[in-house]
Amino acid sequence: MQAIFVLIKCTLGHAYNVAEDLVDNVTEISEVHSISGQYDLLAKFYLPKDADIGRFVTERVQTRDNVADTFTMITFKAFQ
């Protein structure tokens, strides 16, 4: 599995609704946090190694109601 992090900007007043929608309807989500700054949410997803990350983000995250913008970070190695 590969972890990706997606920063999500929501339409005003809808960050909690978007977070709940992601948790309830996107099985690949690991966790979602409300954050401060340019973006409203930070979501962590686990995808299969051969997954098309761009397609996942554009079709499964950006199309959710009240998602205005995203910024995706892929990971290389987790240190424990």
N, C-alpha and C. Protein backbone atom coordinates (compact mmCIF):
# COMPACT_ATOMS: atom_id res chain seq x y z
N MET A 1 0.84 -1.18 0.00
CA MET A 1 0.00 0.00 0.00
C MET A 1 0.89 1.25 0.00
N GLN A 2 0.36 2.30 -0.60
CA GLN A 2 1.07 3.57 -0.67
C GLN A 2 0.23 4.64 0.01
N ALA A 3 0.85 5.43 0.86
CA ALA A 3 0.15 6.51 1.54
C ALA A 3 0.26 7.78 0.71
N ILE A 4 -0.84 8.50 0.60
CA ILE A 4 -0.81 9.84 0.02
C ILE A 4 -1.54 10.77 0.98
N PHE A 5 -1.13 12.02 0.96
CA PHE A 5 -1.78 13.05 1.76
C PHE A 5 -2.39 14.06 0.81
N VAL A 6 -3.61 14.46 1.10
CA VAL A 6 -4.29 15.45 0.26
C VAL A 6 -4.76 16.60 1.15
N LEU A 7 -4.26 17.79 0.85
CA LEU A 7 -4.75 19.00 1.48
C LEU A 7 -6.00 19.42 0.72
N ILE A 8 -7.05 19.75 1.44
CA ILE A 8 -8.34 20.04 0.82
C ILE A 8 -8.84 21.41 1.27
N LYS A 9 -9.17 22.25 0.28
CA LYS A 9 -9.81 23.53 0.55
C LYS A 9 -11.30 23.34 0.28
N CYS A 10 -12.12 23.74 1.24
CA CYS A 10 -13.57 23.56 1.14
C CYS A 10 -14.27 24.90 0.90
N THR A 11 -15.48 24.83 0.36
CA THR A 11 -16.26 26.05 0.29
C THR A 11 -16.56 26.48 1.72
N LEU A 12 -16.70 27.78 1.91
CA LEU A 12 -16.85 28.33 3.26
C LEU A 12 -17.98 27.66 4.03
N GLY A 13 -17.67 27.27 5.26
CA GLY A 13 -18.66 26.69 6.15
C GLY A 13 -18.92 25.21 5.97
N HIS A 14 -18.15 24.53 5.12
CA HIS A 14 -18.45 23.13 4.82
C HIS A 14 -17.33 22.14 5.15
N ALA A 15 -16.31 22.55 5.85
CA ALA A 15 -15.18 21.66 6.13
C ALA A 15 -15.62 20.41 6.90
N TYR A 16 -16.46 20.56 7.90
CA TYR A 16 -16.89 19.39 8.67
C TYR A 16 -17.74 18.46 7.83
N ASN A 17 -18.57 19.02 6.96
CA ASN A 17 -19.39 18.18 6.08
C ASN A 17 -18.52 17.38 5.13
N VAL A 18 -17.50 18.02 4.57
CA VAL A 18 -16.59 17.33 3.65
C VAL A 18 -15.84 16.22 4.39
N ALA A 19 -15.36 16.51 5.60
CA ALA A 19 -14.64 15.50 6.38
C ALA A 19 -15.53 14.29 6.66
N GLU A 20 -16.75 14.54 7.06
CA GLU A 20 -17.68 13.44 7.34
C GLU A 20 -17.99 12.63 6.09
N ASP A 21 -18.17 13.32 4.97
CA ASP A 21 -18.44 12.65 3.70
C ASP A 21 -17.27 11.75 3.30
N LEU A 22 -16.05 12.24 3.44
CA LEU A 22 -14.87 11.43 3.10
C LEU A 22 -14.80 10.18 3.97
N VAL A 23 -14.98 10.34 5.27
CA VAL A 23 -14.90 9.21 6.20
C VAL A 23 -16.00 8.19 5.91
N ASP A 24 -17.17 8.66 5.59
CA ASP A 24 -18.31 7.77 5.37
C ASP A 24 -18.30 7.08 4.00
N ASN A 25 -17.66 7.70 3.00
CA ASN A 25 -17.85 7.22 1.63
C ASN A 25 -16.60 6.88 0.83
N VAL A 26 -15.43 7.16 1.36
CA VAL A 26 -14.19 6.85 0.63
C VAL A 26 -13.42 5.82 1.46
N THR A 27 -13.47 4.57 1.03
CA THR A 27 -12.91 3.48 1.83
C THR A 27 -11.40 3.56 1.98
N GLU A 28 -10.72 4.23 1.08
CA GLU A 28 -9.25 4.31 1.13
C GLU A 28 -8.74 5.30 2.17
N ILE A 29 -9.64 6.05 2.81
CA ILE A 29 -9.19 7.06 3.77
C ILE A 29 -8.70 6.39 5.05
N SER A 30 -7.62 6.92 5.58
CA SER A 30 -7.09 6.45 6.85
C SER A 30 -7.50 7.40 7.97
N GLU A 31 -7.34 8.69 7.72
CA GLU A 31 -7.71 9.71 8.70
C GLU A 31 -7.86 11.05 8.02
N VAL A 32 -8.58 11.94 8.67
CA VAL A 32 -8.74 13.31 8.16
C VAL A 32 -8.69 14.26 9.35
N HIS A 33 -7.96 15.35 9.17
CA HIS A 33 -7.77 16.34 10.24
C HIS A 33 -8.20 17.71 9.76
N SER A 34 -8.83 18.48 10.64
CA SER A 34 -9.05 19.89 10.33
C SER A 34 -7.74 20.62 10.64
N ILE A 35 -7.38 21.57 9.79
CA ILE A 35 -6.10 22.27 9.94
C ILE A 35 -6.32 23.76 9.73
N SER A 36 -5.29 24.54 10.05
CA SER A 36 -5.34 25.98 9.81
C SER A 36 -4.47 26.32 8.61
N GLY A 37 -4.67 27.48 8.07
CA GLY A 37 -3.86 27.93 6.95
C GLY A 37 -4.65 27.98 5.66
N GLN A 38 -3.97 27.79 4.55
CA GLN A 38 -4.57 27.90 3.22
C GLN A 38 -5.62 26.83 2.95
N TYR A 39 -5.46 25.68 3.56
CA TYR A 39 -6.38 24.56 3.35
C TYR A 39 -7.14 24.27 4.64
N ASP A 40 -8.25 23.58 4.51
CA ASP A 40 -9.12 23.31 5.66
C ASP A 40 -8.94 21.92 6.25
N LEU A 41 -8.60 20.95 5.40
CA LEU A 41 -8.49 19.56 5.84
C LEU A 41 -7.20 18.94 5.33
N LEU A 42 -6.68 17.99 6.09
CA LEU A 42 -5.57 17.15 5.66
C LEU A 42 -6.06 15.71 5.75
N ALA A 43 -6.12 15.04 4.61
CA ALA A 43 -6.61 13.66 4.57
C ALA A 43 -5.48 12.72 4.17
N LYS A 44 -5.43 11.57 4.83
CA LYS A 44 -4.44 10.54 4.51
C LYS A 44 -5.19 9.35 3.92
N PHE A 45 -4.71 8.90 2.76
CA PHE A 45 -5.31 7.76 2.08
C PHE A 45 -4.26 6.69 1.86
N TYR A 46 -4.67 5.43 1.88
CA TYR A 46 -3.81 4.32 1.50
C TYR A 46 -4.35 3.73 0.21
N LEU A 47 -3.50 3.71 -0.82
CA LEU A 47 -3.87 3.19 -2.13
C LEU A 47 -2.98 2.00 -2.47
N PRO A 48 -3.47 1.09 -3.30
CA PRO A 48 -2.62 0.00 -3.78
C PRO A 48 -1.41 0.57 -4.52
N LYS A 49 -0.30 -0.15 -4.48
CA LYS A 49 0.95 0.31 -5.13
C LYS A 49 0.76 0.68 -6.59
N ASP A 50 -0.12 -0.02 -7.30
CA ASP A 50 -0.30 0.22 -8.73
C ASP A 50 -1.44 1.19 -9.03
N ALA A 51 -2.00 1.84 -8.02
CA ALA A 51 -3.13 2.75 -8.22
C ALA A 51 -2.70 3.99 -8.99
N ASP A 52 -3.62 4.51 -9.79
CA ASP A 52 -3.41 5.77 -10.50
C ASP A 52 -3.81 6.89 -9.54
N ILE A 53 -2.82 7.52 -8.92
CA ILE A 53 -3.07 8.52 -7.89
C ILE A 53 -3.85 9.71 -8.45
N GLY A 54 -3.46 10.17 -9.62
CA GLY A 54 -4.15 11.30 -10.23
C GLY A 54 -5.61 11.02 -10.46
N ARG A 55 -5.91 9.85 -10.97
CA ARG A 55 -7.31 9.47 -11.21
C ARG A 55 -8.07 9.37 -9.89
N PHE A 56 -7.44 8.77 -8.87
CA PHE A 56 -8.10 8.66 -7.57
C PHE A 56 -8.47 10.04 -7.02
N VAL A 57 -7.51 10.95 -7.03
CA VAL A 57 -7.76 12.29 -6.46
C VAL A 57 -8.82 13.03 -7.28
N THR A 58 -8.69 13.01 -8.59
CA THR A 58 -9.64 13.78 -9.41
C THR A 58 -11.05 13.19 -9.40
N GLU A 59 -11.15 11.87 -9.32
CA GLU A 59 -12.47 11.24 -9.38
C GLU A 59 -13.10 10.96 -8.02
N ARG A 60 -12.29 10.71 -7.00
CA ARG A 60 -12.84 10.29 -5.70
C ARG A 60 -12.78 11.38 -4.63
N VAL A 61 -11.89 12.37 -4.81
CA VAL A 61 -11.77 13.42 -3.80
C VAL A 61 -12.28 14.77 -4.34
N GLN A 62 -11.76 15.21 -5.48
CA GLN A 62 -12.14 16.52 -6.00
C GLN A 62 -13.61 16.62 -6.37
N THR A 63 -14.26 15.52 -6.65
CA THR A 63 -15.67 15.54 -7.05
C THR A 63 -16.64 15.54 -5.87
N ARG A 64 -16.14 15.44 -4.64
CA ARG A 64 -17.03 15.48 -3.47
C ARG A 64 -17.66 16.86 -3.38
N ASP A 65 -18.88 16.92 -2.91
CA ASP A 65 -19.56 18.20 -2.73
C ASP A 65 -18.75 19.11 -1.82
N ASN A 66 -18.65 20.37 -2.18
CA ASN A 66 -18.01 21.43 -1.39
C ASN A 66 -16.50 21.34 -1.30
N VAL A 67 -15.86 20.55 -2.17
CA VAL A 67 -14.40 20.57 -2.28
C VAL A 67 -14.06 21.61 -3.35
N ALA A 68 -13.30 22.63 -2.95
CA ALA A 68 -12.98 23.73 -3.86
C ALA A 68 -11.60 23.57 -4.51
N ASP A 69 -10.65 22.92 -3.80
CA ASP A 69 -9.28 22.80 -4.31
C ASP A 69 -8.57 21.70 -3.53
N THR A 70 -7.56 21.10 -4.15
CA THR A 70 -6.75 20.09 -3.46
C THR A 70 -5.28 20.28 -3.79
N PHE A 71 -4.43 19.75 -2.94
CA PHE A 71 -3.00 19.70 -3.16
C PHE A 71 -2.54 18.34 -2.67
N THR A 72 -1.97 17.53 -3.55
CA THR A 72 -1.63 16.15 -3.22
C THR A 72 -0.13 15.98 -3.00
N MET A 73 0.21 15.22 -1.94
CA MET A 73 1.60 14.87 -1.67
C MET A 73 1.71 13.35 -1.63
N ILE A 74 2.64 12.80 -2.41
CA ILE A 74 2.88 11.38 -2.33
C ILE A 74 4.03 11.14 -1.37
N THR A 75 4.09 9.93 -0.83
CA THR A 75 5.14 9.62 0.13
C THR A 75 6.08 8.58 -0.46
N PHE A 76 7.30 8.58 0.03
CA PHE A 76 8.31 7.64 -0.46
C PHE A 76 8.59 6.55 0.57
N LYS A 77 8.79 6.94 1.82
CA LYS A 77 9.17 5.99 2.86
C LYS A 77 8.64 6.49 4.19
N ALA A 78 8.10 5.57 4.99
CA ALA A 78 7.67 5.89 6.33
C ALA A 78 8.76 5.46 7.31
N PHE A 79 9.12 6.33 8.23
CA PHE A 79 10.12 6.03 9.25
C PHE A 79 9.44 5.81 10.58
N GLN A 80 9.84 4.76 11.26
CA GLN A 80 9.22 4.45 12.54
C GLN A 80 10.23 4.27 13.61
